[in-house]
PDB file of N, CA and C in Angstrom:
ATOM      1  N   MET A   1      64.257 -11.119  91.524  1.00  0.00           N
ATOM      2  CA  MET A   1      63.535 -10.401  90.486  1.00  0.00           C
ATOM      3  C   MET A   1      62.047 -10.494  90.785  1.00  0.00           C
ATOM      4  N   ASN A   2      61.441  -9.364  91.119  1.00  0.00           N
ATOM      5  CA  ASN A   2      60.027  -9.281  91.438  1.00  0.00           C
ATOM      6  C   ASN A   2      59.209  -9.125  90.155  1.00  0.00           C
ATOM      7  N   LEU A   3      58.147  -9.910  89.972  1.00  0.00           N
ATOM      8  CA  LEU A   3      57.360  -9.859  88.733  1.00  0.00           C
ATOM      9  C   LEU A   3      56.578  -8.566  88.584  1.00  0.00           C
ATOM     10  N   GLY A   4      56.180  -7.941  89.668  1.00  0.00           N
ATOM     11  CA  GLY A   4      55.392  -6.726  89.593  1.00  0.00           C
ATOM     12  C   GLY A   4      56.216  -5.472  89.413  1.00  0.00           C
ATOM     13  N   ASN A   5      57.530  -5.544  89.577  1.00  0.00           N
ATOM     14  CA  ASN A   5      58.371  -4.361  89.539  1.00  0.00           C
ATOM     15  C   ASN A   5      59.536  -4.597  88.582  1.00  0.00           C
ATOM     16  N   PHE A   6      59.308  -4.360  87.287  1.00  0.00           N
ATOM     17  CA  PHE A   6      60.368  -4.536  86.301  1.00  0.00           C
ATOM     18  C   PHE A   6      61.262  -3.314  86.280  1.00  0.00           C
ATOM     19  N   GLY A   7      62.541  -3.536  86.311  1.00  0.00           N
ATOM     20  CA  GLY A   7      63.509  -2.457  86.186  1.00  0.00           C
ATOM     21  C   GLY A   7      64.071  -2.427  84.768  1.00  0.00           C
ATOM     22  N   PHE A   8      65.075  -1.575  84.580  1.00  0.00           N
ATOM     23  CA  PHE A   8      65.674  -1.425  83.250  1.00  0.00           C
ATOM     24  C   PHE A   8      66.332  -2.722  82.776  1.00  0.00           C
ATOM     25  N   MET A   9      67.050  -3.383  83.639  1.00  0.00           N
ATOM     26  CA  MET A   9      67.758  -4.614  83.254  1.00  0.00           C
ATOM     27  C   MET A   9      66.778  -5.734  82.880  1.00  0.00           C
ATOM     28  N   GLU A  10      65.663  -5.827  83.574  1.00  0.00           N
ATOM     29  CA  GLU A  10      64.673  -6.855  83.248  1.00  0.00           C
ATOM     30  C   GLU A  10      64.054  -6.615  81.879  1.00  0.00           C
ATOM     31  N   TRP A  11      63.698  -5.340  81.607  1.00  0.00           N
ATOM     32  CA  TRP A  11      63.134  -5.016  80.294  1.00  0.00           C
ATOM     33  C   TRP A  11      64.154  -5.259  79.179  1.00  0.00           C
ATOM     34  N   LEU A  12      65.394  -4.926  79.434  1.00  0.00           N
ATOM     35  CA  LEU A  12      66.453  -5.155  78.452  1.00  0.00           C
ATOM     36  C   LEU A  12      66.624  -6.645  78.175  1.00  0.00           C
ATOM     37  N   LEU A  13      66.570  -7.447  79.199  1.00  0.00           N
ATOM     38  CA  LEU A  13      66.674  -8.895  79.034  1.00  0.00           C
ATOM     39  C   LEU A  13      65.490  -9.438  78.224  1.00  0.00           C
ATOM     40  N   VAL A  14      64.285  -8.973  78.494  1.00  0.00           N
ATOM     41  CA  VAL A  14      63.098  -9.412  77.739  1.00  0.00           C
ATOM     42  C   VAL A  14      63.229  -9.012  76.276  1.00  0.00           C
ATOM     43  N   LEU A  15      63.675  -7.785  75.998  1.00  0.00           N
ATOM     44  CA  LEU A  15      63.829  -7.330  74.613  1.00  0.00           C
ATOM     45  C   LEU A  15      64.884  -8.143  73.862  1.00  0.00           C
ATOM     46  N   VAL A  16      65.972  -8.489  74.516  1.00  0.00           N
ATOM     47  CA  VAL A  16      67.007  -9.305  73.878  1.00  0.00           C
ATOM     48  C   VAL A  16      66.469 -10.700  73.562  1.00  0.00           C
ATOM     49  N   ILE A  17      65.714 -11.286  74.473  1.00  0.00           N
ATOM     50  CA  ILE A  17      65.131 -12.616  74.222  1.00  0.00           C
ATOM     51  C   ILE A  17      64.149 -12.563  73.049  1.00  0.00           C
ATOM     52  N   VAL A  18      63.315 -11.532  73.004  1.00  0.00           N
ATOM     53  CA  VAL A  18      62.358 -11.387  71.889  1.00  0.00           C
ATOM     54  C   VAL A  18      63.109 -11.197  70.584  1.00  0.00           C
ATOM     55  N   LEU A  19      64.148 -10.404  70.581  1.00  0.00           N
ATOM     56  CA  LEU A  19      64.943 -10.177  69.378  1.00  0.00           C
ATOM     57  C   LEU A  19      65.585 -11.463  68.890  1.00  0.00           C
ATOM     58  N   VAL A  20      66.079 -12.283  69.797  1.00  0.00           N
ATOM     59  CA  VAL A  20      66.708 -13.551  69.420  1.00  0.00           C
ATOM     60  C   VAL A  20      65.664 -14.534  68.883  1.00  0.00           C
ATOM     61  N   LEU A  21      64.498 -14.570  69.507  1.00  0.00           N
ATOM     62  CA  LEU A  21      63.455 -15.515  69.074  1.00  0.00           C
ATOM     63  C   LEU A  21      62.873 -15.166  67.708  1.00  0.00           C
ATOM     64  N   PHE A  22      62.560 -13.885  67.470  1.00  0.00           N
ATOM     65  CA  PHE A  22      61.856 -13.506  66.249  1.00  0.00           C
ATOM     66  C   PHE A  22      62.751 -12.914  65.169  1.00  0.00           C
ATOM     67  N   GLY A  23      63.857 -12.351  65.509  1.00  0.00           N
ATOM     68  CA  GLY A  23      64.744 -11.753  64.521  1.00  0.00           C
ATOM     69  C   GLY A  23      64.407 -10.294  64.269  1.00  0.00           C
ATOM     70  N   ALA A  24      65.399  -9.558  63.769  1.00  0.00           N
ATOM     71  CA  ALA A  24      65.241  -8.119  63.568  1.00  0.00           C
ATOM     72  C   ALA A  24      64.285  -7.801  62.418  1.00  0.00           C
ATOM     73  N   LYS A  25      64.202  -8.654  61.415  1.00  0.00           N
ATOM     74  CA  LYS A  25      63.319  -8.383  60.273  1.00  0.00           C
ATOM     75  C   LYS A  25      61.856  -8.600  60.617  1.00  0.00           C
ATOM     76  N   ARG A  26      61.590  -9.487  61.542  1.00  0.00           N
ATOM     77  CA  ARG A  26      60.208  -9.863  61.877  1.00  0.00           C
ATOM     78  C   ARG A  26      59.575  -8.932  62.919  1.00  0.00           C
ATOM     79  N   LEU A  27      60.353  -8.233  63.736  1.00  0.00           N
ATOM     80  CA  LEU A  27      59.808  -7.389  64.800  1.00  0.00           C
ATOM     81  C   LEU A  27      58.910  -6.254  64.298  1.00  0.00           C
ATOM     82  N   PRO A  28      59.275  -5.518  63.224  1.00  0.00           N
ATOM     83  CA  PRO A  28      58.354  -4.478  62.738  1.00  0.00           C
ATOM     84  C   PRO A  28      57.021  -5.049  62.247  1.00  0.00           C
ATOM     85  N   GLU A  29      57.050  -6.233  61.636  1.00  0.00           N
ATOM     86  CA  GLU A  29      55.808  -6.863  61.181  1.00  0.00           C
ATOM     87  C   GLU A  29      54.924  -7.233  62.371  1.00  0.00           C
ATOM     88  N   ILE A  30      55.533  -7.751  63.421  1.00  0.00           N
ATOM     89  CA  ILE A  30      54.784  -8.126  64.623  1.00  0.00           C
ATOM     90  C   ILE A  30      54.176  -6.882  65.269  1.00  0.00           C
ATOM     91  N   GLY A  31      54.950  -5.816  65.353  1.00  0.00           N
ATOM     92  CA  GLY A  31      54.440  -4.570  65.930  1.00  0.00           C
ATOM     93  C   GLY A  31      53.302  -3.984  65.125  1.00  0.00           C
ATOM     94  N   ALA A  32      53.432  -4.006  63.797  1.00  0.00           N
ATOM     95  CA  ALA A  32      52.374  -3.471  62.935  1.00  0.00           C
ATOM     96  C   ALA A  32      51.097  -4.291  63.061  1.00  0.00           C
ATOM     97  N   SER A  33      51.212  -5.612  63.085  1.00  0.00           N
ATOM     98  CA  SER A  33      50.015  -6.436  63.204  1.00  0.00           C
ATOM     99  C   SER A  33      49.369  -6.279  64.581  1.00  0.00           C
ATOM    100  N   PHE A  34      50.188  -6.113  65.609  1.00  0.00           N
ATOM    101  CA  PHE A  34      49.661  -5.876  66.953  1.00  0.00           C
ATOM    102  C   PHE A  34      48.910  -4.548  67.015  1.00  0.00           C
ATOM    103  N   GLY A  35      49.469  -3.500  66.427  1.00  0.00           N
ATOM    104  CA  GLY A  35      48.811  -2.191  66.392  1.00  0.00           C
ATOM    105  C   GLY A  35      47.522  -2.228  65.591  1.00  0.00           C
ATOM    106  N   LYS A  36      47.532  -2.947  64.460  1.00  0.00           N
ATOM    107  CA  LYS A  36      46.323  -3.062  63.647  1.00  0.00           C
ATOM    108  C   LYS A  36      45.228  -3.807  64.408  1.00  0.00           C
ATOM    109  N   GLY A  37      45.604  -4.815  65.143  1.00  0.00           N
ATOM    110  CA  GLY A  37      44.629  -5.558  65.944  1.00  0.00           C
ATOM    111  C   GLY A  37      43.988  -4.691  67.015  1.00  0.00           C
ATOM    112  N   ILE A  38      44.794  -3.866  67.666  1.00  0.00           N
ATOM    113  CA  ILE A  38      44.266  -2.963  68.690  1.00  0.00           C
ATOM    114  C   ILE A  38      43.337  -1.935  68.065  1.00  0.00           C
ATOM    115  N   ARG A  39      43.709  -1.368  66.898  1.00  0.00           N
ATOM    116  CA  ARG A  39      42.851  -0.396  66.210  1.00  0.00           C
ATOM    117  C   ARG A  39      41.516  -1.012  65.826  1.00  0.00           C
ATOM    118  N   ASP A  40      41.538  -2.219  65.251  1.00  0.00           N
ATOM    119  CA  ASP A  40      40.305  -2.896  64.859  1.00  0.00           C
ATOM    120  C   ASP A  40      39.417  -3.178  66.071  1.00  0.00           C
ATOM    121  N   PHE A  41      40.030  -3.589  67.164  1.00  0.00           N
ATOM    122  CA  PHE A  41      39.265  -3.868  68.380  1.00  0.00           C
ATOM    123  C   PHE A  41      38.577  -2.607  68.892  1.00  0.00           C
ATOM    124  N   LYS A  42      39.307  -1.482  68.942  1.00  0.00           N
ATOM    125  CA  LYS A  42      38.719  -0.233  69.415  1.00  0.00           C
ATOM    126  C   LYS A  42      37.609   0.243  68.484  1.00  0.00           C
ATOM    127  N   LYS A  43      37.814   0.101  67.169  1.00  0.00           N
ATOM    128  CA  LYS A  43      36.798   0.516  66.198  1.00  0.00           C
ATOM    129  C   LYS A  43      35.524  -0.304  66.377  1.00  0.00           C
ATOM    130  N   ASN A  44      35.659  -1.605  66.494  1.00  0.00           N
ATOM    131  CA  ASN A  44      34.489  -2.455  66.674  1.00  0.00           C
ATOM    132  C   ASN A  44      33.803  -2.185  68.005  1.00  0.00           C
ATOM    133  N   LEU A  45      34.567  -1.899  69.039  1.00  0.00           N
ATOM    134  CA  LEU A  45      33.989  -1.585  70.339  1.00  0.00           C
ATOM    135  C   LEU A  45      33.190  -0.289  70.266  1.00  0.00           C
ATOM    136  N   ASN A  46      33.719   0.715  69.576  1.00  0.00           N
ATOM    137  CA  ASN A  46      32.992   1.982  69.415  1.00  0.00           C
ATOM    138  C   ASN A  46      31.738   1.796  68.575  1.00  0.00           C
ATOM    139  N   ASP A  47      31.787   0.956  67.547  1.00  0.00           N
ATOM    140  CA  ASP A  47      30.600   0.684  66.732  1.00  0.00           C
ATOM    141  C   ASP A  47      29.498   0.043  67.562  1.00  0.00           C
ATOM    142  N   VAL A  48      29.859  -0.912  68.382  1.00  0.00           N
ATOM    143  CA  VAL A  48      28.866  -1.589  69.222  1.00  0.00           C
ATOM    144  C   VAL A  48      28.280  -0.612  70.243  1.00  0.00           C
ATOM    145  N   GLU A  49      29.119   0.214  70.859  1.00  0.00           N
ATOM    146  CA  GLU A  49      28.618   1.196  71.821  1.00  0.00           C
ATOM    147  C   GLU A  49      27.681   2.188  71.142  1.00  0.00           C
ATOM    148  N   GLY A  50      27.999   2.597  69.920  1.00  0.00           N
ATOM    149  CA  GLY A  50      27.128   3.507  69.184  1.00  0.00           C
ATOM    150  C   GLY A  50      25.784   2.886  68.864  1.00  0.00           C
ATOM    151  N   GLN A  51      25.777   1.615  68.515  1.00  0.00           N
ATOM    152  CA  GLN A  51      24.515   0.937  68.230  1.00  0.00           C
ATOM    153  C   GLN A  51      23.671   0.786  69.484  1.00  0.00           C
ATOM    154  N   ILE A  52      24.302   0.612  70.625  1.00  0.00           N
ATOM    155  CA  ILE A  52      23.554   0.476  71.878  1.00  0.00           C
ATOM    156  C   ILE A  52      22.969   1.817  72.293  1.00  0.00           C
ATOM    157  N   ARG A  53      23.745   2.879  72.179  1.00  0.00           N
ATOM    158  CA  ARG A  53      23.287   4.201  72.633  1.00  0.00           C
ATOM    159  C   ARG A  53      22.286   4.834  71.682  1.00  0.00           C
ATOM    160  N   GLU A  54      22.387   4.595  70.391  1.00  0.00           N
ATOM    161  CA  GLU A  54      21.521   5.245  69.417  1.00  0.00           C
ATOM    162  C   GLU A  54      20.437   4.273  68.976  1.00  0.00           C
ATOM    163  N   PRO A  55      19.168   4.637  69.123  1.00  0.00           N
ATOM    164  CA  PRO A  55      18.100   3.725  68.697  1.00  0.00           C
ATOM    165  C   PRO A  55      18.069   3.603  67.174  1.00  0.00           C
ATOM    166  N   ALA A  56      17.353   2.622  66.696  1.00  0.00           N
ATOM    167  CA  ALA A  56      17.266   2.383  65.249  1.00  0.00           C
ATOM    168  C   ALA A  56      16.639   3.598  64.573  1.00  0.00           C
ATOM    169  N   ARG A  57      17.185   3.990  63.437  1.00  0.00           N
ATOM    170  CA  ARG A  57      16.703   5.191  62.750  1.00  0.00           C
ATOM    171  C   ARG A  57      15.298   5.016  62.173  1.00  0.00           C
ATOM    172  N   ASP A  58      14.930   3.863  61.674  1.00  0.00           N
ATOM    173  CA  ASP A  58      13.624   3.685  61.046  1.00  0.00           C
ATOM    174  C   ASP A  58      12.494   3.580  62.064  1.00  0.00           C
ATOM    175  N   ALA A  59      12.796   3.391  63.339  1.00  0.00           N
ATOM    176  CA  ALA A  59      11.763   3.266  64.360  1.00  0.00           C
ATOM    177  C   ALA A  59      11.510   4.586  65.083  1.00  0.00           C
ATOM    178  N   ARG A  60      12.167   5.648  64.667  1.00  0.00           N
ATOM    179  CA  ARG A  60      11.985   6.939  65.325  1.00  0.00           C
ATOM    180  C   ARG A  60      10.642   7.550  64.932  1.00  0.00           C
ATOM    181  N   TYR A  61      10.080   8.288  65.849  1.00  0.00           N
ATOM    182  CA  TYR A  61       8.831   8.988  65.606  1.00  0.00           C
ATOM    183  C   TYR A  61       9.106  10.480  65.567  1.00  0.00           C
ATOM    184  N   ASP A  62       8.282  11.196  64.780  1.00  0.00           N
ATOM    185  CA  ASP A  62       8.379  12.650  64.766  1.00  0.00           C
ATOM    186  C   ASP A  62       7.788  13.198  66.053  1.00  0.00           C
ATOM    187  N   ARG A  63       8.195  14.396  66.415  1.00  0.00           N
ATOM    188  CA  ARG A  63       7.644  15.021  67.621  1.00  0.00           C
ATOM    189  C   ARG A  63       6.234  15.507  67.336  1.00  0.00           C
ATOM    190  N   VAL A  64       5.399  15.458  68.334  1.00  0.00           N
ATOM    191  CA  VAL A  64       4.016  15.885  68.200  1.00  0.00           C
ATOM    192  C   VAL A  64       3.818  17.128  69.041  1.00  0.00           C
ATOM    193  N   GLY A  65       3.198  18.165  68.432  1.00  0.00           N
ATOM    194  CA  GLY A  65       2.888  19.379  69.167  1.00  0.00           C
ATOM    195  C   GLY A  65       1.584  19.215  69.929  1.00  0.00           C
ATOM    196  N   ALA A  66       1.255  20.204  70.729  1.00  0.00           N
ATOM    197  CA  ALA A  66       0.027  20.137  71.521  1.00  0.00           C
ATOM    198  C   ALA A  66      -1.182  20.184  70.598  1.00  0.00           C
ATOM    199  N   GLY A  67      -2.162  19.340  70.820  1.00  0.00           N
ATOM    200  CA  GLY A  67      -3.391  19.313  70.039  1.00  0.00           C
ATOM    201  C   GLY A  67      -3.298  18.531  68.747  1.00  0.00           C
ATOM    202  N   GLU A  68      -2.126  18.017  68.406  1.00  0.00           N
ATOM    203  CA  GLU A  68      -1.982  17.225  67.183  1.00  0.00           C
ATOM    204  C   GLU A  68      -2.260  15.761  67.491  1.00  0.00           C
ATOM    205  N   PRO A  69      -2.656  14.981  66.464  1.00  0.00           N
ATOM    206  CA  PRO A  69      -2.885  13.558  66.709  1.00  0.00           C
ATOM    207  C   PRO A  69      -1.581  12.832  67.039  1.00  0.00           C
ATOM    208  N   GLU A  70      -1.730  11.594  67.446  1.00  0.00           N
ATOM    209  CA  GLU A  70      -0.582  10.776  67.830  1.00  0.00           C
ATOM    210  C   GLU A  70       0.391  10.632  66.662  1.00  0.00           C
ATOM    211  N   ALA A  71       1.690  10.653  66.955  1.00  0.00           N
ATOM    212  CA  ALA A  71       2.722  10.550  65.914  1.00  0.00           C
ATOM    213  C   ALA A  71       2.765   9.141  65.355  1.00  0.00           C
ATOM    214  N   ARG A  72       3.094   9.038  64.062  1.00  0.00           N
ATOM    215  CA  ARG A  72       3.260   7.753  63.394  1.00  0.00           C
ATOM    216  C   ARG A  72       4.636   7.721  62.774  1.00  0.00           C
ATOM    217  N   PRO A  73       5.173   6.536  62.505  1.00  0.00           N
ATOM    218  CA  PRO A  73       6.500   6.467  61.883  1.00  0.00           C
ATOM    219  C   PRO A  73       6.520   7.190  60.540  1.00  0.00           C
ATOM    220  N   VAL A  74       7.678   7.747  60.189  1.00  0.00           N
ATOM    221  CA  VAL A  74       7.840   8.483  58.944  1.00  0.00           C
ATOM    222  C   VAL A  74       7.526   7.604  57.739  1.00  0.00           C
ATOM    223  N   ALA A  75       7.965   6.366  57.742  1.00  0.00           N
ATOM    224  CA  ALA A  75       7.730   5.465  56.615  1.00  0.00           C
ATOM    225  C   ALA A  75       6.240   5.227  56.405  1.00  0.00           C
ATOM    226  N   GLN A  76       5.450   5.200  57.449  1.00  0.00           N
ATOM    227  CA  GLN A  76       4.015   4.962  57.331  1.00  0.00           C
ATOM    228  C   GLN A  76       3.334   6.171  56.697  1.00  0.00           C
ATOM    229  N   ARG A  77       3.741   7.398  57.048  1.00  0.00           N
ATOM    230  CA  ARG A  77       3.145   8.589  56.471  1.00  0.00           C
ATOM    231  C   ARG A  77       3.494   8.734  54.994  1.00  0.00           C
ATOM    232  N   GLN A  78       4.659   8.291  54.553  1.00  0.00           N
ATOM    233  CA  GLN A  78       5.046   8.423  53.157  1.00  0.00           C
ATOM    234  C   GLN A  78       4.227   7.507  52.260  1.00  0.00           C
ATOM    235  N   ASP A  79       3.768   6.378  52.765  1.00  0.00           N
ATOM    236  CA  ASP A  79       3.030   5.417  51.959  1.00  0.00           C
ATOM    237  C   ASP A  79       1.536   5.712  51.888  1.00  0.00           C
ATOM    238  N   GLU A  80       1.034   6.729  52.586  1.00  0.00           N
ATOM    239  CA  GLU A  80      -0.395   6.995  52.626  1.00  0.00           C
ATOM    240  C   GLU A  80      -0.954   7.409  51.276  1.00  0.00           C
ATOM    241  N   GLY A  81      -0.244   8.181  50.492  1.00  0.00           N
ATOM    242  CA  GLY A  81      -0.761   8.686  49.237  1.00  0.00           C
ATOM    243  C   GLY A  81      -0.666   7.701  48.085  1.00  0.00           C
ATOM    244  N   VAL A  82      -0.063   6.563  48.267  1.00  0.00           N
ATOM    245  CA  VAL A  82       0.142   5.600  47.195  1.00  0.00           C
ATOM    246  C   VAL A  82      -0.982   4.569  47.214  1.00  0.00           C
ATOM    247  N   GLU A  83      -1.568   4.346  46.026  1.00  0.00           N
ATOM    248  CA  GLU A  83      -2.625   3.331  45.935  1.00  0.00           C
ATOM    249  C   GLU A  83      -2.002   1.947  45.938  1.00  0.00           C
ATOM    250  N   PRO A  84      -2.716   0.954  46.462  1.00  0.00           N
ATOM    251  CA  PRO A  84      -2.181  -0.410  46.432  1.00  0.00           C
ATOM    252  C   PRO A  84      -2.172  -0.956  45.011  1.00  0.00           C
ATOM    253  N   LYS A  85      -1.260  -1.861  44.729  1.00  0.00           N
ATOM    254  CA  LYS A  85      -1.171  -2.456  43.397  1.00  0.00           C
ATOM    255  C   LYS A  85      -2.360  -3.391  43.169  1.00  0.00           C
ATOM    256  N   ARG A  86      -2.875  -3.379  41.954  1.00  0.00           N
ATOM    257  CA  ARG A  86      -4.003  -4.250  41.609  1.00  0.00           C
ATOM    258  C   ARG A  86      -3.472  -5.564  41.061  1.00  0.00           C
ATOM    259  N   LEU A  87      -4.073  -6.639  41.480  1.00  0.00           N
ATOM    260  CA  LEU A  87      -3.618  -7.964  41.056  1.00  0.00           C
ATOM    261  C   LEU A  87      -4.197  -8.367  39.699  1.00  0.00           C
ATOM    262  N   ILE A  88      -5.316  -7.810  39.302  1.00  0.00           N
ATOM    263  CA  ILE A  88      -5.963  -8.233  38.033  1.00  0.00           C
ATOM    264  C   ILE A  88      -5.657  -7.240  36.939  1.00  0.00           C
TER     265      ILE A  88
END
């Protein structure tokens, strides 16, 4: 029996051993938890890849046309018209 080349009889033997060890009632639960784990892993992997590829939204600058002054962050431009709070 070669480990790299499983045939039908080898797979059947593995399935029978798994069925005997875990039981028929437990196999669907094991399959569901295994599938949920794979889904969660893929979701988290995609989230991390998205965070790496997409820069932070609050650090983005607006585009500047020719002859316009240097661009500033959007949050900085929104606060320009507001007076500072007085302490007294």
